[in-house]
Amino acid sequence: VSAREILARARPKPEARFVVVHAEQGYAANLPLDRFADADSLFATHHDGQPLAPEHGYPLRLVVPTLYFWKSAKWVRRIELIAEDRPGFWEVRGYSNTAEPWLEDRYS
């Protein structure tokens, strides 16, 4: 399911500019709303026609192929739309908030 479709159904408030994707064991991935809504961003339940394996995010994984993969949360449980950015699991541990692979933007 495309992230755009999720947003269309959720109808975010005008002040929403960021997304926090909450997952198991306190993990959270944060990203700007416009990056979440990229044409290639999606929620996956399967890979190559097979259900995701637990180690790959079963039952639901966010995939944001234009950013480093710590922004692609496994084991998704909840999506939060917020006005102000809030660091995710890896960002509070020193990883880059923007996670741009073409800029080799790994660490803050």
PDB file of N, CA and C in Angstrom:
ATOM      1  N   VAL A   1       0.855  -1.171   0.000  1.00  0.00           N
ATOM      2  CA  VAL A   1       0.000   0.000   0.000  1.00  0.00           C
ATOM      3  C   VAL A   1       0.899   1.231   0.000  1.00  0.00           C
ATOM      4  N   SER A   2       0.640   2.157  -0.879  1.00  0.00           N
ATOM      5  CA  SER A   2       1.483   3.352  -0.936  1.00  0.00           C
ATOM      6  C   SER A   2       1.250   4.234   0.289  1.00  0.00           C
ATOM      7  N   ALA A   3       2.313   4.890   0.727  1.00  0.00           N
ATOM      8  CA  ALA A   3       2.190   5.825   1.849  1.00  0.00           C
ATOM      9  C   ALA A   3       1.253   6.966   1.470  1.00  0.00           C
ATOM     10  N   ARG A   4       1.246   7.339   0.206  1.00  0.00           N
ATOM     11  CA  ARG A   4       0.326   8.395  -0.255  1.00  0.00           C
ATOM     12  C   ARG A   4      -1.130   7.995  -0.031  1.00  0.00           C
ATOM     13  N   GLU A   5      -1.437   6.734  -0.290  1.00  0.00           N
ATOM     14  CA  GLU A   5      -2.805   6.253  -0.080  1.00  0.00           C
ATOM     15  C   GLU A   5      -3.182   6.322   1.396  1.00  0.00           C
ATOM     16  N   ILE A   6      -2.258   5.950   2.264  1.00  0.00           N
ATOM     17  CA  ILE A   6      -2.509   6.046   3.709  1.00  0.00           C
ATOM     18  C   ILE A   6      -2.794   7.495   4.085  1.00  0.00           C
ATOM     19  N   LEU A   7      -1.987   8.416   3.577  1.00  0.00           N
ATOM     20  CA  LEU A   7      -2.201   9.840   3.873  1.00  0.00           C
ATOM     21  C   LEU A   7      -3.539  10.334   3.338  1.00  0.00           C
ATOM     22  N   ALA A   8      -3.902   9.903   2.144  1.00  0.00           N
ATOM     23  CA  ALA A   8      -5.179  10.328   1.564  1.00  0.00           C
ATOM     24  C   ALA A   8      -6.348   9.887   2.433  1.00  0.00           C
ATOM     25  N   ARG A   9      -6.250   8.695   2.988  1.00  0.00           N
ATOM     26  CA  ARG A   9      -7.322   8.197   3.854  1.00  0.00           C
ATOM     27  C   ARG A   9      -7.296   8.842   5.233  1.00  0.00           C
ATOM     28  N   ALA A  10      -6.104   9.191   5.711  1.00  0.00           N
ATOM     29  CA  ALA A  10      -5.974   9.785   7.049  1.00  0.00           C
ATOM     30  C   ALA A  10      -6.373  11.258   7.064  1.00  0.00           C
ATOM     31  N   ARG A  11      -6.228  11.929   5.940  1.00  0.00           N
ATOM     32  CA  ARG A  11      -6.532  13.355   5.826  1.00  0.00           C
ATOM     33  C   ARG A  11      -5.852  14.154   6.952  1.00  0.00           C
ATOM     34  N   PRO A  12      -4.540  14.324   6.865  1.00  0.00           N
ATOM     35  CA  PRO A  12      -3.803  15.027   7.918  1.00  0.00           C
ATOM     36  C   PRO A  12      -4.283  16.460   8.106  1.00  0.00           C
ATOM     37  N   LYS A  13      -4.158  16.939   9.320  1.00  0.00           N
ATOM     38  CA  LYS A  13      -4.458  18.345   9.611  1.00  0.00           C
ATOM     39  C   LYS A  13      -3.418  19.212   8.911  1.00  0.00           C
ATOM     40  N   PRO A  14      -3.770  20.449   8.584  1.00  0.00           N
ATOM     41  CA  PRO A  14      -2.834  21.321   7.857  1.00  0.00           C
ATOM     42  C   PRO A  14      -1.495  21.523   8.569  1.00  0.00           C
ATOM     43  N   GLU A  15      -1.497  21.487   9.890  1.00  0.00           N
ATOM     44  CA  GLU A  15      -0.250  21.716  10.630  1.00  0.00           C
ATOM     45  C   GLU A  15       0.693  20.507  10.624  1.00  0.00           C
ATOM     46  N   ALA A  16       0.220  19.352  10.190  1.00  0.00           N
ATOM     47  CA  ALA A  16       1.072  18.148  10.161  1.00  0.00           C
ATOM     48  C   ALA A  16       2.158  18.313   9.103  1.00  0.00           C
ATOM     49  N   ARG A  17       3.415  18.232   9.552  1.00  0.00           N
ATOM     50  CA  ARG A  17       4.546  18.361   8.634  1.00  0.00           C
ATOM     51  C   ARG A  17       5.525  17.202   8.748  1.00  0.00           C
ATOM     52  N   PHE A  18       5.322  16.353   9.763  1.00  0.00           N
ATOM     53  CA  PHE A  18       6.225  15.236  10.005  1.00  0.00           C
ATOM     54  C   PHE A  18       5.425  13.988  10.334  1.00  0.00           C
ATOM     55  N   VAL A  19       6.076  12.850  10.171  1.00  0.00           N
ATOM     56  CA  VAL A  19       5.473  11.557  10.479  1.00  0.00           C
ATOM     57  C   VAL A  19       6.400  10.826  11.441  1.00  0.00           C
ATOM     58  N   VAL A  20       5.808  10.184  12.438  1.00  0.00           N
ATOM     59  CA  VAL A  20       6.545   9.248  13.279  1.00  0.00           C
ATOM     60  C   VAL A  20       5.860   7.901  13.103  1.00  0.00           C
ATOM     61  N   VAL A  21       6.628   6.923  12.661  1.00  0.00           N
ATOM     62  CA  VAL A  21       6.111   5.573  12.489  1.00  0.00           C
ATOM     63  C   VAL A  21       6.586   4.768  13.690  1.00  0.00           C
ATOM     64  N   HIS A  22       5.636   4.357  14.520  1.00  0.00           N
ATOM     65  CA  HIS A  22       5.937   3.619  15.745  1.00  0.00           C
ATOM     66  C   HIS A  22       5.912   2.126  15.455  1.00  0.00           C
ATOM     67  N   ALA A  23       6.834   1.419  16.097  1.00  0.00           N
ATOM     68  CA  ALA A  23       6.957  -0.017  15.870  1.00  0.00           C
ATOM     69  C   ALA A  23       7.163  -0.732  17.202  1.00  0.00           C
ATOM     70  N   GLU A  24       7.436  -2.014  17.107  1.00  0.00           N
ATOM     71  CA  GLU A  24       7.648  -2.839  18.299  1.00  0.00           C
ATOM     72  C   GLU A  24       8.828  -2.355  19.128  1.00  0.00           C
ATOM     73  N   GLN A  25       8.787  -2.662  20.415  1.00  0.00           N
ATOM     74  CA  GLN A  25       9.884  -2.463  21.359  1.00  0.00           C
ATOM     75  C   GLN A  25      10.388  -1.027  21.418  1.00  0.00           C
ATOM     76  N   GLY A  26       9.481  -0.064  21.258  1.00  0.00           N
ATOM     77  CA  GLY A  26       9.839   1.338  21.393  1.00  0.00           C
ATOM     78  C   GLY A  26      10.534   1.960  20.202  1.00  0.00           C
ATOM     79  N   TYR A  27      10.646   1.226  19.113  1.00  0.00           N
ATOM     80  CA  TYR A  27      11.291   1.784  17.926  1.00  0.00           C
ATOM     81  C   TYR A  27      10.365   2.798  17.279  1.00  0.00           C
ATOM     82  N   ALA A  28      10.947   3.884  16.765  1.00  0.00           N
ATOM     83  CA  ALA A  28      10.186   4.887  16.024  1.00  0.00           C
ATOM     84  C   ALA A  28      11.079   5.458  14.931  1.00  0.00           C
ATOM     85  N   ALA A  29      10.504   5.677  13.767  1.00  0.00           N
ATOM     86  CA  ALA A  29      11.205   6.314  12.649  1.00  0.00           C
ATOM     87  C   ALA A  29      10.489   7.622  12.341  1.00  0.00           C
ATOM     88  N   ASN A  30      11.251   8.702  12.298  1.00  0.00           N
ATOM     89  CA  ASN A  30      10.670  10.007  11.991  1.00  0.00           C
ATOM     90  C   ASN A  30      11.104  10.446  10.602  1.00  0.00           C
ATOM     91  N   LEU A  31      10.225  11.152   9.906  1.00  0.00           N
ATOM     92  CA  LEU A  31      10.594  11.712   8.618  1.00  0.00           C
ATOM     93  C   LEU A  31       9.622  12.810   8.236  1.00  0.00           C
ATOM     94  N   PRO A  32      10.066  13.736   7.386  1.00  0.00           N
ATOM     95  CA  PRO A  32       9.166  14.786   6.929  1.00  0.00           C
ATOM     96  C   PRO A  32       7.993  14.185   6.153  1.00  0.00           C
ATOM     97  N   LEU A  33       6.863  14.817   6.268  1.00  0.00           N
ATOM     98  CA  LEU A  33       5.655  14.332   5.606  1.00  0.00           C
ATOM     99  C   LEU A  33       5.868  14.194   4.097  1.00  0.00           C
ATOM    100  N   ASP A  34       6.569  15.149   3.487  1.00  0.00           N
ATOM    101  CA  ASP A  34       6.766  15.065   2.033  1.00  0.00           C
ATOM    102  C   ASP A  34       7.645  13.878   1.633  1.00  0.00           C
ATOM    103  N   ARG A  35       8.610  13.482   2.472  1.00  0.00           N
ATOM    104  CA  ARG A  35       9.427  12.300   2.164  1.00  0.00           C
ATOM    105  C   ARG A  35       8.629  11.016   2.380  1.00  0.00           C
ATOM    106  N   PHE A  36       7.788  11.005   3.399  1.00  0.00           N
ATOM    107  CA  PHE A  36       6.893   9.875   3.636  1.00  0.00           C
ATOM    108  C   PHE A  36       5.982   9.673   2.428  1.00  0.00           C
ATOM    109  N   ALA A  37       5.559  10.782   1.822  1.00  0.00           N
ATOM    110  CA  ALA A  37       4.615  10.738   0.700  1.00  0.00           C
ATOM    111  C   ALA A  37       5.293  10.579  -0.660  1.00  0.00           C
ATOM    112  N   ASP A  38       6.610  10.323  -0.684  1.00  0.00           N
ATOM    113  CA  ASP A  38       7.289  10.067  -1.961  1.00  0.00           C
ATOM    114  C   ASP A  38       6.561   8.967  -2.732  1.00  0.00           C
ATOM    115  N   ALA A  39       6.620   9.049  -4.038  1.00  0.00           N
ATOM    116  CA  ALA A  39       5.924   8.071  -4.889  1.00  0.00           C
ATOM    117  C   ALA A  39       6.358   6.632  -4.609  1.00  0.00           C
ATOM    118  N   ASP A  40       7.607   6.430  -4.182  1.00  0.00           N
ATOM    119  CA  ASP A  40       8.121   5.076  -3.958  1.00  0.00           C
ATOM    120  C   ASP A  40       7.921   4.561  -2.537  1.00  0.00           C
ATOM    121  N   SER A  41       7.474   5.399  -1.617  1.00  0.00           N
ATOM    122  CA  SER A  41       7.300   4.964  -0.222  1.00  0.00           C
ATOM    123  C   SER A  41       6.049   4.107  -0.098  1.00  0.00           C
ATOM    124  N   LEU A  42       6.178   3.003   0.632  1.00  0.00           N
ATOM    125  CA  LEU A  42       5.040   2.092   0.749  1.00  0.00           C
ATOM    126  C   LEU A  42       5.099   1.288   2.040  1.00  0.00           C
ATOM    127  N   PHE A  43       3.981   0.658   2.341  1.00  0.00           N
ATOM    128  CA  PHE A  43       3.889  -0.291   3.444  1.00  0.00           C
ATOM    129  C   PHE A  43       3.802  -1.680   2.832  1.00  0.00           C
ATOM    130  N   ALA A  44       4.694  -2.550   3.274  1.00  0.00           N
ATOM    131  CA  ALA A  44       4.780  -3.893   2.696  1.00  0.00           C
ATOM    132  C   ALA A  44       4.340  -4.945   3.699  1.00  0.00           C
ATOM    133  N   THR A  45       3.625  -5.942   3.186  1.00  0.00           N
ATOM    134  CA  THR A  45       3.274  -7.135   3.957  1.00  0.00           C
ATOM    135  C   THR A  45       3.921  -8.374   3.346  1.00  0.00           C
ATOM    136  N   HIS A  46       4.377  -8.227   2.085  1.00  0.00           N
ATOM    137  CA  HIS A  46       4.962  -9.339   1.337  1.00  0.00           C
ATOM    138  C   HIS A  46       6.228  -8.885   0.622  1.00  0.00           C
ATOM    139  N   HIS A  47       7.063  -9.858   0.259  1.00  0.00           N
ATOM    140  CA  HIS A  47       8.243  -9.619  -0.570  1.00  0.00           C
ATOM    141  C   HIS A  47       8.398 -10.824  -1.491  1.00  0.00           C
ATOM    142  N   ASP A  48       8.514 -10.561  -2.771  1.00  0.00           N
ATOM    143  CA  ASP A  48       8.610 -11.634  -3.773  1.00  0.00           C
ATOM    144  C   ASP A  48       7.460 -12.629  -3.658  1.00  0.00           C
ATOM    145  N   GLY A  49       6.257 -12.121  -3.388  1.00  0.00           N
ATOM    146  CA  GLY A  49       5.072 -12.972  -3.331  1.00  0.00           C
ATOM    147  C   GLY A  49       4.892 -13.756  -2.051  1.00  0.00           C
ATOM    148  N   GLN A  50       5.793 -13.599  -1.104  1.00  0.00           N
ATOM    149  CA  GLN A  50       5.721 -14.329   0.171  1.00  0.00           C
ATOM    150  C   GLN A  50       5.521 -13.339   1.317  1.00  0.00           C
ATOM    151  N   PRO A  51       4.784 -13.739   2.361  1.00  0.00           N
ATOM    152  CA  PRO A  51       4.660 -12.855   3.521  1.00  0.00           C
ATOM    153  C   PRO A  51       6.048 -12.512   4.074  1.00  0.00           C
ATOM    154  N   LEU A  52       6.180 -11.312   4.585  1.00  0.00           N
ATOM    155  CA  LEU A  52       7.448 -10.919   5.201  1.00  0.00           C
ATOM    156  C   LEU A  52       7.814 -11.887   6.313  1.00  0.00           C
ATOM    157  N   ALA A  53       9.070 -12.200   6.407  1.00  0.00           N
ATOM    158  CA  ALA A  53       9.570 -12.989   7.537  1.00  0.00           C
ATOM    159  C   ALA A  53       9.645 -12.068   8.756  1.00  0.00           C
ATOM    160  N   PRO A  54       9.534 -12.611   9.954  1.00  0.00           N
ATOM    161  CA  PRO A  54       9.605 -11.766  11.151  1.00  0.00           C
ATOM    162  C   PRO A  54      10.848 -10.874  11.187  1.00  0.00           C
ATOM    163  N   GLU A  55      11.998 -11.391  10.786  1.00  0.00           N
ATOM    164  CA  GLU A  55      13.220 -10.580  10.831  1.00  0.00           C
ATOM    165  C   GLU A  55      13.231  -9.453   9.803  1.00  0.00           C
ATOM    166  N   HIS A  56      12.296  -9.501   8.850  1.00  0.00           N
ATOM    167  CA  HIS A  56      12.188  -8.444   7.848  1.00  0.00           C
ATOM    168  C   HIS A  56      10.984  -7.540   8.067  1.00  0.00           C
ATOM    169  N   GLY A  57      10.305  -7.683   9.212  1.00  0.00           N
ATOM    170  CA  GLY A  57       9.272  -6.729   9.558  1.00  0.00           C
ATOM    171  C   GLY A  57       7.851  -7.236   9.627  1.00  0.00           C
ATOM    172  N   TYR A  58       7.627  -8.555   9.481  1.00  0.00           N
ATOM    173  CA  TYR A  58       6.262  -9.085   9.573  1.00  0.00           C
ATOM    174  C   TYR A  58       5.595  -8.551  10.835  1.00  0.00           C
ATOM    175  N   PRO A  59       4.370  -8.092  10.769  1.00  0.00           N
ATOM    176  CA  PRO A  59       3.414  -8.189   9.665  1.00  0.00           C
ATOM    177  C   PRO A  59       3.416  -6.987   8.715  1.00  0.00           C
ATOM    178  N   LEU A  60       4.072  -5.878   9.110  1.00  0.00           N
ATOM    179  CA  LEU A  60       3.995  -4.671   8.284  1.00  0.00           C
ATOM    180  C   LEU A  60       5.292  -3.887   8.402  1.00  0.00           C
ATOM    181  N   ARG A  61       5.806  -3.501   7.250  1.00  0.00           N
ATOM    182  CA  ARG A  61       7.046  -2.723   7.227  1.00  0.00           C
ATOM    183  C   ARG A  61       6.875  -1.508   6.332  1.00  0.00           C
ATOM    184  N   LEU A  62       7.362  -0.366   6.813  1.00  0.00           N
ATOM    185  CA  LEU A  62       7.458   0.824   5.977  1.00  0.00           C
ATOM    186  C   LEU A  62       8.717   0.698   5.132  1.00  0.00           C
ATOM    187  N   VAL A  63       8.612   1.029   3.847  1.00  0.00           N
ATOM    188  CA  VAL A  63       9.770   1.027   2.956  1.00  0.00           C
ATOM    189  C   VAL A  63       9.865   2.414   2.320  1.00  0.00           C
ATOM    190  N   VAL A  64      10.974   3.097   2.612  1.00  0.00           N
ATOM    191  CA  VAL A  64      11.256   4.413   2.030  1.00  0.00           C
ATOM    192  C   VAL A  64      12.582   4.272   1.276  1.00  0.00           C
ATOM    193  N   PRO A  65      12.527   3.851   0.009  1.00  0.00           N
ATOM    194  CA  PRO A  65      13.752   3.504  -0.711  1.00  0.00           C
ATOM    195  C   PRO A  65      14.677   4.680  -1.009  1.00  0.00           C
ATOM    196  N   THR A  66      14.206   5.906  -0.873  1.00  0.00           N
ATOM    197  CA  THR A  66      15.046   7.067  -1.169  1.00  0.00           C
ATOM    198  C   THR A  66      15.862   7.533   0.033  1.00  0.00           C
ATOM    199  N   LEU A  67      15.684   6.900   1.197  1.00  0.00           N
ATOM    200  CA  LEU A  67      16.431   7.261   2.405  1.00  0.00           C
ATOM    201  C   LEU A  67      17.156   6.037   2.943  1.00  0.00           C
ATOM    202  N   TYR A  68      18.161   6.279   3.800  1.00  0.00           N
ATOM    203  CA  TYR A  68      18.813   5.147   4.458  1.00  0.00           C
ATOM    204  C   TYR A  68      17.756   4.321   5.172  1.00  0.00           C
ATOM    205  N   PHE A  69      18.017   3.017   5.278  1.00  0.00           N
ATOM    206  CA  PHE A  69      16.962   2.102   5.700  1.00  0.00           C
ATOM    207  C   PHE A  69      16.571   2.173   7.169  1.00  0.00           C
ATOM    208  N   TRP A  70      17.279   2.949   8.006  1.00  0.00           N
ATOM    209  CA  TRP A  70      16.763   3.078   9.376  1.00  0.00           C
ATOM    210  C   TRP A  70      15.480   3.897   9.404  1.00  0.00           C
ATOM    211  N   LYS A  71      15.151   4.546   8.285  1.00  0.00           N
ATOM    212  CA  LYS A  71      13.866   5.248   8.176  1.00  0.00           C
ATOM    213  C   LYS A  71      12.742   4.296   7.743  1.00  0.00           C
ATOM    214  N   SER A  72      13.079   3.083   7.349  1.00  0.00           N
ATOM    215  CA  SER A  72      12.096   2.086   6.907  1.00  0.00           C
ATOM    216  C   SER A  72      11.782   1.146   8.069  1.00  0.00           C
ATOM    217  N   ALA A  73      10.865   1.560   8.902  1.00  0.00           N
ATOM    218  CA  ALA A  73      10.569   0.847  10.151  1.00  0.00           C
ATOM    219  C   ALA A  73       9.972  -0.535   9.904  1.00  0.00           C
ATOM    220  N   LYS A  74      10.460  -1.500  10.678  1.00  0.00           N
ATOM    221  CA  LYS A  74       9.895  -2.854  10.689  1.00  0.00           C
ATOM    222  C   LYS A  74       8.837  -2.929  11.787  1.00  0.00           C
ATOM    223  N   TRP A  75       7.942  -3.909  11.688  1.00  0.00           N
ATOM    224  CA  TRP A  75       6.955  -4.227  12.728  1.00  0.00           C
ATOM    225  C   TRP A  75       6.083  -3.021  13.091  1.00  0.00           C
ATOM    226  N   VAL A  76       5.599  -2.320  12.077  1.00  0.00           N
ATOM    227  CA  VAL A  76       4.831  -1.085  12.274  1.00  0.00           C
ATOM    228  C   VAL A  76       3.557  -1.347  13.066  1.00  0.00           C
ATOM    229  N   ARG A  77       3.297  -0.474  14.014  1.00  0.00           N
ATOM    230  CA  ARG A  77       2.094  -0.565  14.844  1.00  0.00           C
ATOM    231  C   ARG A  77       1.221   0.681  14.773  1.00  0.00           C
ATOM    232  N   ARG A  78       1.843   1.849  14.530  1.00  0.00           N
ATOM    233  CA  ARG A  78       1.057   3.083  14.575  1.00  0.00           C
ATOM    234  C   ARG A  78       1.777   4.168  13.782  1.00  0.00           C
ATOM    235  N   ILE A  79       0.992   5.056  13.180  1.00  0.00           N
ATOM    236  CA  ILE A  79       1.522   6.204  12.444  1.00  0.00           C
ATOM    237  C   ILE A  79       1.007   7.463  13.124  1.00  0.00           C
ATOM    238  N   GLU A  80       1.917   8.376  13.413  1.00  0.00           N
ATOM    239  CA  GLU A  80       1.560   9.628  14.081  1.00  0.00           C
ATOM    240  C   GLU A  80       1.956  10.792  13.170  1.00  0.00           C
ATOM    241  N   LEU A  81       1.028  11.691  12.924  1.00  0.00           N
ATOM    242  CA  LEU A  81       1.287  12.885  12.116  1.00  0.00           C
ATOM    243  C   LEU A  81       1.433  14.060  13.076  1.00  0.00           C
ATOM    244  N   ILE A  82       2.578  14.763  12.991  1.00  0.00           N
ATOM    245  CA  ILE A  82       2.880  15.801  13.978  1.00  0.00           C
ATOM    246  C   ILE A  82       3.330  17.096  13.296  1.00  0.00           C
ATOM    247  N   ALA A  83       3.238  18.196  14.036  1.00  0.00           N
ATOM    248  CA  ALA A  83       3.617  19.507  13.508  1.00  0.00           C
ATOM    249  C   ALA A  83       5.117  19.757  13.620  1.00  0.00           C
ATOM    250  N   GLU A  84       5.733  19.326  14.707  1.00  0.00           N
ATOM    251  CA  GLU A  84       7.162  19.547  14.956  1.00  0.00           C
ATOM    252  C   GLU A  84       7.899  18.213  14.900  1.00  0.00           C
ATOM    253  N   ASP A  85       9.077  18.233  14.316  1.00  0.00           N
ATOM    254  CA  ASP A  85       9.870  17.013  14.195  1.00  0.00           C
ATOM    255  C   ASP A  85      10.295  16.508  15.572  1.00  0.00           C
ATOM    256  N   ARG A  86      10.345  15.202  15.695  1.00  0.00           N
ATOM    257  CA  ARG A  86      10.768  14.550  16.932  1.00  0.00           C
ATOM    258  C   ARG A  86      11.723  13.425  16.547  1.00  0.00           C
ATOM    259  N   PRO A  87      12.926  13.384  17.118  1.00  0.00           N
ATOM    260  CA  PRO A  87      13.897  12.357  16.724  1.00  0.00           C
ATOM    261  C   PRO A  87      13.366  10.947  16.948  1.00  0.00           C
ATOM    262  N   GLY A  88      13.721  10.067  16.043  1.00  0.00           N
ATOM    263  CA  GLY A  88      13.351   8.666  16.160  1.00  0.00           C
ATOM    264  C   GLY A  88      14.398   7.879  16.935  1.00  0.00           C
ATOM    265  N   PHE A  89      14.253   6.571  16.930  1.00  0.00           N
ATOM    266  CA  PHE A  89      15.120   5.661  17.677  1.00  0.00           C
ATOM    267  C   PHE A  89      16.600   5.872  17.347  1.00  0.00           C
ATOM    268  N   TRP A  90      16.944   5.849  16.068  1.00  0.00           N
ATOM    269  CA  TRP A  90      18.353   5.962  15.677  1.00  0.00           C
ATOM    270  C   TRP A  90      18.868   7.385  15.751  1.00  0.00           C
ATOM    271  N   GLU A  91      18.025   8.357  15.553  1.00  0.00           N
ATOM    272  CA  GLU A  91      18.461   9.753  15.573  1.00  0.00           C
ATOM    273  C   GLU A  91      18.920  10.181  16.972  1.00  0.00           C
ATOM    274  N   VAL A  92      18.261   9.696  18.011  1.00  0.00           N
ATOM    275  CA  VAL A  92      18.708  10.033  19.371  1.00  0.00           C
ATOM    276  C   VAL A  92      20.015   9.319  19.709  1.00  0.00           C
ATOM    277  N   ARG A  93      20.413   8.362  18.889  1.00  0.00           N
ATOM    278  CA  ARG A  93      21.669   7.629  19.090  1.00  0.00           C
ATOM    279  C   ARG A  93      22.779   8.113  18.148  1.00  0.00           C
ATOM    280  N   GLY A  94      22.574   9.269  17.530  1.00  0.00           N
ATOM    281  CA  GLY A  94      23.627   9.885  16.740  1.00  0.00           C
ATOM    282  C   GLY A  94      23.538   9.736  15.236  1.00  0.00           C
ATOM    283  N   TYR A  95      22.516   9.053  14.747  1.00  0.00           N
ATOM    284  CA  TYR A  95      22.364   8.923  13.300  1.00  0.00           C
ATOM    285  C   TYR A  95      21.733  10.187  12.725  1.00  0.00           C
ATOM    286  N   SER A  96      21.965  10.410  11.449  1.00  0.00           N
ATOM    287  CA  SER A  96      21.457  11.598  10.770  1.00  0.00           C
ATOM    288  C   SER A  96      19.933  11.628  10.777  1.00  0.00           C
ATOM    289  N   ASN A  97      19.393  12.811  10.941  1.00  0.00           N
ATOM    290  CA  ASN A  97      17.943  12.974  10.894  1.00  0.00           C
ATOM    291  C   ASN A  97      17.429  12.964   9.459  1.00  0.00           C
ATOM    292  N   THR A  98      18.248  13.407   8.513  1.00  0.00           N
ATOM    293  CA  THR A  98      17.789  13.469   7.123  1.00  0.00           C
ATOM    294  C   THR A  98      18.037  12.176   6.358  1.00  0.00           C
ATOM    295  N   ALA A  99      19.100  11.442   6.665  1.00  0.00           N
ATOM    296  CA  ALA A  99      19.354  10.096   6.120  1.00  0.00           C
ATOM    297  C   ALA A  99      19.391  10.041   4.598  1.00  0.00           C
ATOM    298  N   GLU A 100      20.045  11.016   3.987  1.00  0.00           N
ATOM    299  CA  GLU A 100      20.138  11.090   2.525  1.00  0.00           C
ATOM    300  C   GLU A 100      21.296  10.227   2.011  1.00  0.00           C
ATOM    301  N   PRO A 101      21.018   9.098   1.372  1.00  0.00           N
ATOM    302  CA  PRO A 101      22.107   8.223   0.921  1.00  0.00           C
ATOM    303  C   PRO A 101      22.997   8.849  -0.148  1.00  0.00           C
ATOM    304  N   TRP A 102      22.455   9.683  -1.010  1.00  0.00           N
ATOM    305  CA  TRP A 102      23.255  10.267  -2.092  1.00  0.00           C
ATOM    306  C   TRP A 102      24.239  11.297  -1.558  1.00  0.00           C
ATOM    307  N   LEU A 103      24.013  11.753  -0.326  1.00  0.00           N
ATOM    308  CA  LEU A 103      24.940  12.690   0.317  1.00  0.00           C
ATOM    309  C   LEU A 103      25.814  11.987   1.356  1.00  0.00           C
ATOM    310  N   GLU A 104      25.660  10.663   1.453  1.00  0.00           N
ATOM    311  CA  GLU A 104      26.345   9.861   2.470  1.00  0.00           C
ATOM    312  C   GLU A 104      26.116  10.445   3.863  1.00  0.00           C
ATOM    313  N   ASP A 105      24.897  10.838   4.109  1.00  0.00           N
ATOM    314  CA  ASP A 105      24.478  11.516   5.336  1.00  0.00           C
ATOM    315  C   ASP A 105      24.037  10.475   6.364  1.00  0.00           C
ATOM    316  N   ARG A 106      25.009   9.873   7.043  1.00  0.00           N
ATOM    317  CA  ARG A 106      24.706   8.794   7.979  1.00  0.00           C
ATOM    318  C   ARG A 106      24.635   9.247   9.432  1.00  0.00           C
ATOM    319  N   TYR A 107      25.539  10.150   9.817  1.00  0.00           N
ATOM    320  CA  TYR A 107      25.648  10.519  11.236  1.00  0.00           C
ATOM    321  C   TYR A 107      25.453  12.016  11.415  1.00  0.00           C
ATOM    322  N   SER A 108      24.904  12.374  12.574  1.00  0.00           N
ATOM    323  CA  SER A 108      24.683  13.803  12.835  1.00  0.00           C
ATOM    324  C   SER A 108      25.925  14.449  13.401  1.00  0.00           C
TER     325      SER A 108
END
